[in-house]
Amino acid sequence: MKKWILLILLLTVSCSGPESSGNPSEKKEEPKRVETRKEKGGTREVVTGLRVPWSLAVTKEHFYISERGGAIVEVSRPGGKLTRQKLKLNKQVHHEGEGGFLGIAPHPGFEKNGLLYAYHTYRDGGKRRNRVILLKREAGVWREEKALLERIPGGFIHNGGRLGIGPDGKLYITTGDAGVEKNAQNLDSLGGKILRMNLDGNVPEDNPFPGSLVYSYGHRNPQGLAWSEKGDLYSAEHGPSGAESGRDEINRIEAGKNYGWPVITGNEKKKGMVSPQYQSGGQTWAPSGLAHQDGKLYIAGLRGEQIRFFATDKNRTGKIFTGKGRLRDIVAVDGSFYVLTSNTDGRGTPRTGDDRLFKWTP
């Protein structure tokens, strides 16, 4: 009788774990990481009085900062008085929610041609959408030279918006799912993707999906792009929100890969999908800008209100810049970092003089 009781108990224990039927994903073991102390460094205020800034571009002589309401701020390097410059666009900037005038990136030949790429939200037949355009400044006004891509899904939330020129000379564009999760897995939708295009707006012949600008998919709301010294592409992406907040991601991006949203999150895994290189677990970073320098990735955190670094050997991480509120963008220049705050975006607590651009030198 005792043997039968013992057998029943063993069978009960072995069958009482989480059900796997109907659940396509599995948990991936979390790599062990060492949390370091804050690194000390010198901080200098470069400029104040910015109005909901979003993206920072650095050229030989100037900083250019996009403001979500529809303006570009020019600041002479290494720092000086800001000049707010107007936009003359064929379609009006729609600044609402997380939309507006977002990413900017100088053309590789900017010093000679003065061309600037930009990404902004607009209204199209009552719907919110996003577009990529090419700008050129004339008489202190940035005028639209050419629309490169339009009708990117837009929404009150999840517009993506980061632009970057890769080592291959191509323009990379992050797009959000616009609050419609199915966009991310739909290869016929431009939402929830990282796009790759030639500088003239055409589709590169070596893109992973013939005739398509889609470079990677399965993204929720990526807002950061950075390349390592080896040419590896990384992206920072917002994880679930609300009651399931957390699981923000940093992904190493490869052509044609599926990064899982909304099927898998965090360290879940599924065949044919890529789990993140790093993820925040139960914490929320709300990552936006991303930079790479000397073997480390650096993310600007909005809700997390921090710059956090990640060693690419995957076992060291830490906070290194805090106390300035919400942080929207970060750019590495000559051993220092330029950090853009985002306290006037409606979700922060503005201080006198906000928003700001800081120079931080480790």
Protein backbone atom coordinates (compact mmCIF):
# COMPACT_ATOMS: atom_id res chain seq x y z
CA MET A 1 0.00 0.00 0.00
CA LYS A 2 2.83 2.42 0.88
CA LYS A 3 4.47 1.71 -2.50
CA TRP A 4 1.25 2.65 -4.33
CA ILE A 5 0.93 5.92 -2.37
CA LEU A 6 4.55 6.80 -3.15
CA LEU A 7 4.01 6.06 -6.88
CA ILE A 8 0.90 8.28 -6.99
CA LEU A 9 2.77 11.14 -5.30
CA LEU A 10 5.65 10.89 -7.77
CA LEU A 11 3.27 10.94 -10.75
CA THR A 12 1.42 13.96 -9.32
CA VAL A 13 4.62 15.98 -8.90
CA SER A 14 5.90 15.11 -12.38
CA CYS A 15 2.64 16.26 -14.06
CA SER A 16 1.99 19.44 -12.07
CA GLY A 17 4.42 21.81 -13.88
CA PRO A 18 3.36 24.56 -16.31
CA GLU A 19 1.35 23.35 -19.27
CA SER A 20 3.25 23.48 -22.55
CA SER A 21 0.46 22.58 -24.92
CA GLY A 22 -0.77 25.68 -26.78
CA ASN A 23 2.25 27.68 -25.64
CA PRO A 24 4.70 28.13 -28.54
CA SER A 25 7.50 29.61 -26.47
CA GLU A 26 9.90 28.39 -23.85
CA LYS A 27 11.97 30.21 -21.27
CA LYS A 28 15.59 30.81 -22.14
CA GLU A 29 18.07 30.68 -19.30
CA GLU A 30 19.09 34.18 -18.25
CA PRO A 31 22.86 34.74 -18.56
CA LYS A 32 24.58 35.78 -15.36
CA ARG A 33 25.69 39.40 -15.29
CA VAL A 34 27.71 41.49 -12.89
CA GLU A 35 26.11 44.80 -11.90
CA THR A 36 28.81 47.42 -11.46
CA ARG A 37 28.86 50.60 -9.42
CA LYS A 38 28.25 53.92 -11.10
CA GLU A 39 31.20 55.15 -13.08
CA LYS A 40 32.30 58.68 -12.28
CA GLY A 41 32.79 61.28 -14.95
CA GLY A 42 32.61 64.94 -15.77
CA THR A 43 29.31 66.46 -16.91
CA ARG A 44 28.89 69.76 -18.73
CA GLU A 45 25.67 71.45 -19.79
CA VAL A 46 25.92 72.30 -23.49
CA VAL A 47 22.54 73.93 -24.13
CA THR A 48 19.19 74.50 -22.38
CA GLY A 49 15.70 75.56 -23.43
CA LEU A 50 14.93 72.70 -25.83
CA ARG A 51 11.28 71.95 -26.61
CA VAL A 52 10.49 68.25 -26.54
CA PRO A 53 13.72 67.20 -28.30
CA TRP A 54 13.95 63.76 -29.88
CA SER A 55 17.07 63.18 -31.95
CA LEU A 56 20.64 64.48 -31.89
CA ALA A 57 22.83 64.64 -35.00
CA VAL A 58 26.48 65.68 -34.85
CA THR A 59 28.37 67.20 -37.79
CA LYS A 60 31.84 68.68 -38.04
CA GLU A 61 30.76 72.16 -36.92
CA HIS A 62 27.30 71.80 -35.37
CA PHE A 63 24.85 69.84 -33.29
CA TYR A 64 21.41 69.46 -34.87
CA ILE A 65 18.49 68.57 -32.60
CA SER A 66 14.98 67.67 -33.77
CA GLU A 67 12.04 69.00 -31.74
CA ARG A 68 8.83 67.00 -31.95
CA GLY A 69 6.63 70.03 -32.60
CA GLY A 70 8.40 70.58 -35.92
CA ALA A 71 11.72 72.42 -35.72
CA ILE A 72 15.45 71.83 -35.91
CA VAL A 73 17.78 73.44 -33.37
CA GLU A 74 21.31 74.26 -34.50
CA VAL A 75 24.08 74.64 -31.92
CA SER A 76 27.67 75.38 -32.86
CA ARG A 77 30.24 72.93 -31.54
CA PRO A 78 31.56 72.54 -28.92
CA GLY A 79 28.59 74.47 -27.49
CA GLY A 80 26.88 77.78 -27.78
CA LYS A 81 23.64 79.62 -28.26
CA LEU A 82 20.88 77.65 -29.96
CA THR A 83 19.22 78.77 -33.17
CA ARG A 84 15.74 77.35 -33.77
CA GLN A 85 15.14 76.79 -37.48
CA LYS A 86 11.78 76.30 -39.18
CA LEU A 87 10.67 73.51 -41.51
CA LYS A 88 9.04 73.91 -44.91
CA LEU A 89 7.49 70.51 -45.66
CA ASN A 90 5.02 69.21 -48.21
CA LYS A 91 3.03 67.53 -45.43
CA GLN A 92 2.53 69.07 -42.00
CA VAL A 93 4.11 67.54 -38.90
CA HIS A 94 1.47 65.94 -36.66
CA HIS A 95 2.66 66.23 -33.06
CA GLU A 96 0.44 64.09 -30.86
CA GLY A 97 1.18 61.34 -28.37
CA GLU A 98 4.53 59.78 -29.29
CA GLY A 99 4.41 61.15 -32.84
CA GLY A 100 5.86 64.31 -34.34
CA PHE A 101 9.15 65.35 -35.89
CA LEU A 102 11.41 62.51 -34.76
CA GLY A 103 14.68 61.10 -36.15
CA ILE A 104 17.27 63.03 -38.14
CA ALA A 105 20.54 61.89 -39.72
CA PRO A 106 23.05 63.84 -41.81
CA HIS A 107 23.79 62.63 -45.32
CA PRO A 108 27.36 61.18 -45.50
CA GLY A 109 28.24 64.13 -47.72
CA PHE A 110 26.60 66.70 -45.44
CA GLU A 111 29.63 68.99 -45.22
CA LYS A 112 29.38 69.56 -48.99
CA ASN A 113 25.70 69.07 -49.85
CA GLY A 114 23.97 70.10 -46.59
CA LEU A 115 21.40 67.29 -46.89
CA LEU A 116 19.63 65.90 -43.82
CA TYR A 117 17.34 62.86 -43.57
CA ALA A 118 14.27 63.18 -41.34
CA TYR A 119 11.34 61.06 -40.11
CA HIS A 120 8.03 62.56 -39.07
CA THR A 121 4.39 61.80 -38.33
CA TYR A 122 1.62 63.27 -40.49
CA ARG A 123 -2.11 62.92 -41.12
CA ASP A 124 -3.27 61.12 -44.24
CA GLY A 125 -7.02 60.85 -44.84
CA GLY A 126 -7.70 60.97 -41.11
CA LYS A 127 -5.05 58.36 -40.31
CA ARG A 128 -1.71 58.87 -38.59
CA ARG A 129 1.25 57.84 -40.70
CA ASN A 130 5.01 58.42 -40.83
CA ARG A 131 7.34 59.35 -43.66
CA VAL A 132 11.05 59.65 -44.45
CA ILE A 133 12.18 62.78 -46.26
CA LEU A 134 15.32 64.55 -47.41
CA LEU A 135 15.86 68.15 -46.26
CA LYS A 136 18.13 70.98 -47.33
CA ARG A 137 18.53 74.34 -45.59
CA GLU A 138 17.92 77.52 -47.55
CA ALA A 139 17.97 80.99 -45.95
CA GLY A 140 17.69 79.48 -42.46
CA VAL A 141 14.72 77.25 -43.33
CA TRP A 142 14.90 73.47 -43.83
CA ARG A 143 12.98 72.70 -47.02
CA GLU A 144 11.82 69.30 -48.19
CA GLU A 145 13.86 68.19 -51.18
CA LYS A 146 12.29 64.79 -51.68
CA ALA A 147 9.94 62.31 -50.01
CA LEU A 148 11.76 58.96 -49.86
CA LEU A 149 9.09 56.83 -48.16
CA GLU A 150 5.52 57.52 -47.05
CA ARG A 151 2.53 55.73 -45.49
CA ILE A 152 4.56 54.04 -42.75
CA PRO A 153 1.97 52.99 -40.12
CA GLY A 154 1.64 55.61 -37.40
CA GLY A 155 -0.31 55.92 -34.18
CA PHE A 156 -0.70 57.76 -30.91
CA ILE A 157 2.00 55.35 -29.68
CA HIS A 158 4.78 53.22 -31.19
CA ASN A 159 6.03 55.26 -34.13
CA GLY A 160 9.67 54.14 -33.96
CA GLY A 161 11.51 56.94 -35.74
CA ARG A 162 15.28 56.47 -35.38
CA LEU A 163 17.46 56.98 -38.46
CA GLY A 164 21.07 55.93 -38.94
CA ILE A 165 23.61 55.64 -41.76
CA GLY A 166 25.32 52.26 -41.56
CA PRO A 167 28.96 51.42 -42.35
CA ASP A 168 27.63 50.11 -45.66
CA GLY A 169 26.43 53.59 -46.62
CA LYS A 170 22.74 52.63 -46.41
CA LEU A 171 19.99 54.43 -44.49
CA TYR A 172 18.42 52.39 -41.67
CA ILE A 173 15.00 53.29 -40.26
CA THR A 174 13.19 51.96 -37.19
CA THR A 175 9.39 51.75 -37.29
CA GLY A 176 6.98 50.83 -34.50
CA ASP A 177 3.92 48.61 -34.71
CA ALA A 178 1.74 51.76 -34.28
CA GLY A 179 -0.17 50.00 -31.51
CA VAL A 180 -1.32 47.23 -33.89
CA GLU A 181 0.65 44.16 -32.82
CA LYS A 182 -0.01 42.13 -35.97
CA ASN A 183 1.91 44.71 -38.05
CA ALA A 184 5.20 43.42 -36.62
CA GLN A 185 4.84 39.90 -38.10
CA ASN A 186 3.32 41.04 -41.40
CA LEU A 187 6.03 41.36 -44.06
CA ASP A 188 3.64 43.38 -46.22
CA SER A 189 3.43 46.08 -43.53
CA LEU A 190 6.17 48.65 -42.90
CA GLY A 191 5.25 48.75 -39.18
CA GLY A 192 7.28 46.98 -36.50
CA LYS A 193 10.37 46.74 -38.68
CA ILE A 194 13.89 47.93 -39.28
CA LEU A 195 14.06 49.17 -42.85
CA ARG A 196 17.13 49.56 -45.07
CA MET A 197 17.29 51.76 -48.15
CA ASN A 198 19.74 53.31 -50.55
CA LEU A 199 20.43 56.97 -49.93
CA ASP A 200 18.19 57.88 -52.88
CA GLY A 201 15.26 55.94 -51.38
CA ASN A 202 15.47 52.87 -53.60
CA VAL A 203 15.54 49.27 -52.37
CA PRO A 204 19.08 47.82 -52.09
CA GLU A 205 19.58 44.77 -54.27
CA ASP A 206 21.05 42.80 -51.36
CA ASN A 207 18.12 43.33 -48.96
CA PRO A 208 16.92 40.00 -47.51
CA PHE A 209 13.44 40.17 -49.06
CA PRO A 210 13.63 40.96 -52.80
CA GLY A 211 11.98 44.27 -53.71
CA SER A 212 11.28 45.09 -50.04
CA LEU A 213 12.80 47.68 -47.72
CA VAL A 214 12.31 45.30 -44.76
CA TYR A 215 15.63 44.35 -43.17
CA SER A 216 14.31 42.74 -39.95
CA TYR A 217 10.87 42.31 -38.44
CA GLY A 218 8.99 41.28 -35.30
CA HIS A 219 9.73 44.58 -33.52
CA ARG A 220 7.42 46.42 -31.11
CA ASN A 221 8.83 49.94 -30.88
CA PRO A 222 12.56 50.17 -31.64
CA GLN A 223 14.03 53.63 -30.99
CA GLY A 224 17.78 53.02 -30.98
CA LEU A 225 20.37 52.07 -33.59
CA ALA A 226 24.14 51.64 -33.20
CA TRP A 227 26.97 49.83 -34.96
CA SER A 228 29.99 48.24 -33.31
CA GLU A 229 33.55 48.69 -34.54
CA LYS A 230 33.14 45.33 -36.28
CA GLY A 231 30.07 46.57 -38.14
CA ASP A 232 27.48 44.63 -36.10
CA LEU A 233 24.11 46.40 -35.89
CA TYR A 234 22.28 46.70 -32.56
CA SER A 235 18.83 48.08 -31.77
CA ALA A 236 17.11 49.16 -28.54
CA GLU A 237 13.42 48.33 -28.26
CA HIS A 238 10.56 48.94 -25.84
CA GLY A 239 9.04 45.82 -24.27
CA PRO A 240 5.44 45.29 -23.09
CA SER A 241 3.72 48.07 -21.15
CA GLY A 242 0.91 48.29 -18.60
CA ALA A 243 0.63 45.42 -16.13
CA GLU A 244 3.32 43.50 -18.03
CA SER A 245 5.81 46.38 -18.12
CA GLY A 246 9.45 45.40 -18.48
CA ARG A 247 11.32 43.08 -20.84
CA ASP A 248 12.84 45.97 -22.78
CA GLU A 249 15.32 44.67 -25.31
CA ILE A 250 18.67 45.17 -26.95
CA ASN A 251 18.98 43.05 -30.07
CA ARG A 252 21.83 42.29 -32.43
CA ILE A 253 20.17 42.75 -35.79
CA GLU A 254 20.77 40.39 -38.69
CA ALA A 255 19.28 40.61 -42.16
CA GLY A 256 15.96 38.83 -42.59
CA LYS A 257 15.61 37.73 -38.95
CA ASN A 258 12.34 37.73 -36.96
CA TYR A 259 12.67 39.24 -33.46
CA GLY A 260 9.48 37.74 -32.16
CA TRP A 261 7.01 40.46 -31.19
CA PRO A 262 4.25 39.81 -30.18
CA VAL A 263 4.73 36.02 -30.15
CA ILE A 264 7.69 35.96 -27.74
CA THR A 265 9.01 38.49 -25.25
CA GLY A 266 11.90 38.65 -22.81
CA ASN A 267 13.95 35.47 -22.81
CA GLU A 268 11.25 33.33 -24.36
CA LYS A 269 12.31 31.49 -27.46
CA LYS A 270 10.67 29.90 -30.47
CA LYS A 271 12.05 28.29 -33.58
CA GLY A 272 12.58 30.85 -36.32
CA MET A 273 12.62 33.79 -33.90
CA VAL A 274 15.51 35.62 -32.23
CA SER A 275 15.56 36.26 -28.48
CA PRO A 276 17.20 39.51 -27.29
CA GLN A 277 20.86 39.77 -26.45
CA TYR A 278 19.84 41.67 -23.30
CA GLN A 279 16.44 42.24 -21.72
CA SER A 280 15.34 44.15 -18.63
CA GLY A 281 13.27 41.44 -16.94
CA GLY A 282 10.84 43.02 -14.50
CA GLN A 283 12.56 46.41 -14.68
CA THR A 284 11.64 49.11 -17.18
CA TRP A 285 14.33 51.01 -19.03
CA ALA A 286 12.10 52.38 -21.82
CA PRO A 287 15.22 52.57 -24.03
CA SER A 288 15.48 55.18 -26.76
CA GLY A 289 18.85 56.32 -28.15
CA LEU A 290 21.68 53.80 -28.42
CA ALA A 291 25.44 54.29 -28.84
CA HIS A 292 28.47 52.00 -29.09
CA GLN A 293 32.02 52.73 -28.00
CA ASP A 294 35.01 50.60 -27.02
CA GLY A 295 33.17 47.30 -26.89
CA LYS A 296 30.20 48.59 -24.92
CA LEU A 297 26.63 49.55 -25.76
CA TYR A 298 25.06 52.56 -24.05
CA ILE A 299 21.29 53.14 -23.90
CA ALA A 300 19.39 56.29 -22.99
CA GLY A 301 16.49 55.37 -20.71
CA LEU A 302 13.24 57.32 -20.56
CA ARG A 303 11.25 55.85 -17.68
CA GLY A 304 14.49 54.35 -16.37
CA GLU A 305 16.08 57.85 -16.28
CA GLN A 306 19.58 56.48 -16.76
CA ILE A 307 22.36 55.73 -19.17
CA ARG A 308 23.10 52.03 -18.84
CA PHE A 309 26.04 50.25 -20.42
CA PHE A 310 26.35 46.66 -21.57
CA ALA A 311 29.66 45.00 -22.27
CA THR A 312 29.33 42.96 -25.44
CA ASP A 313 30.83 39.94 -23.67
CA LYS A 314 27.37 39.78 -22.03
CA ASN A 315 28.45 39.61 -18.39
CA ARG A 316 28.78 43.21 -17.21
CA THR A 317 26.23 46.00 -17.00
CA GLY A 318 25.63 49.08 -14.89
CA LYS A 319 24.14 52.54 -14.55
CA ILE A 320 26.61 55.30 -15.36
CA PHE A 321 24.58 58.51 -15.77
CA THR A 322 21.54 59.45 -13.66
CA GLY A 323 19.85 62.39 -11.98
CA LYS A 324 18.87 64.33 -15.13
CA GLY A 325 15.40 62.86 -15.62
CA ARG A 326 14.18 61.18 -18.80
CA LEU A 327 16.89 60.59 -21.40
CA ARG A 328 16.00 60.43 -25.09
CA ASP A 329 19.21 60.17 -27.11
CA ILE A 330 22.92 59.51 -26.75
CA VAL A 331 25.74 59.99 -29.25
CA ALA A 332 29.41 59.02 -28.80
CA VAL A 333 31.95 61.59 -30.03
CA ASP A 334 35.72 61.39 -29.48
CA GLY A 335 35.59 59.52 -26.18
CA SER A 336 32.72 61.55 -24.72
CA PHE A 337 28.94 61.19 -24.86
CA TYR A 338 26.31 63.79 -25.68
CA VAL A 339 23.03 63.08 -23.89
CA LEU A 340 19.65 64.59 -24.72
CA THR A 341 16.94 64.84 -22.03
CA SER A 342 13.18 64.44 -22.58
CA ASN A 343 11.50 65.97 -19.54
CA THR A 344 9.08 68.21 -21.48
CA ASP A 345 7.41 65.36 -23.39
CA GLY A 346 4.38 65.18 -21.09
CA ARG A 347 5.62 62.17 -19.16
CA GLY A 348 8.44 63.77 -17.20
CA THR A 349 8.86 66.41 -14.52
CA PRO A 350 10.40 69.45 -16.20
CA ARG A 351 12.91 71.54 -14.30
CA THR A 352 13.78 75.15 -14.96
CA GLY A 353 15.78 75.21 -18.20
CA ASP A 354 14.60 71.85 -19.52
CA ASP A 355 15.14 70.27 -21.89
CA ARG A 356 18.92 70.05 -22.08
CA LEU A 357 21.89 68.66 -23.96
CA PHE A 358 24.73 67.40 -21.75
CA LYS A 359 28.28 66.38 -22.48
CA TRP A 360 29.42 63.51 -20.29
CA THR A 361 33.03 62.30 -20.26
CA PRO A 362 33.75 59.03 -18.38
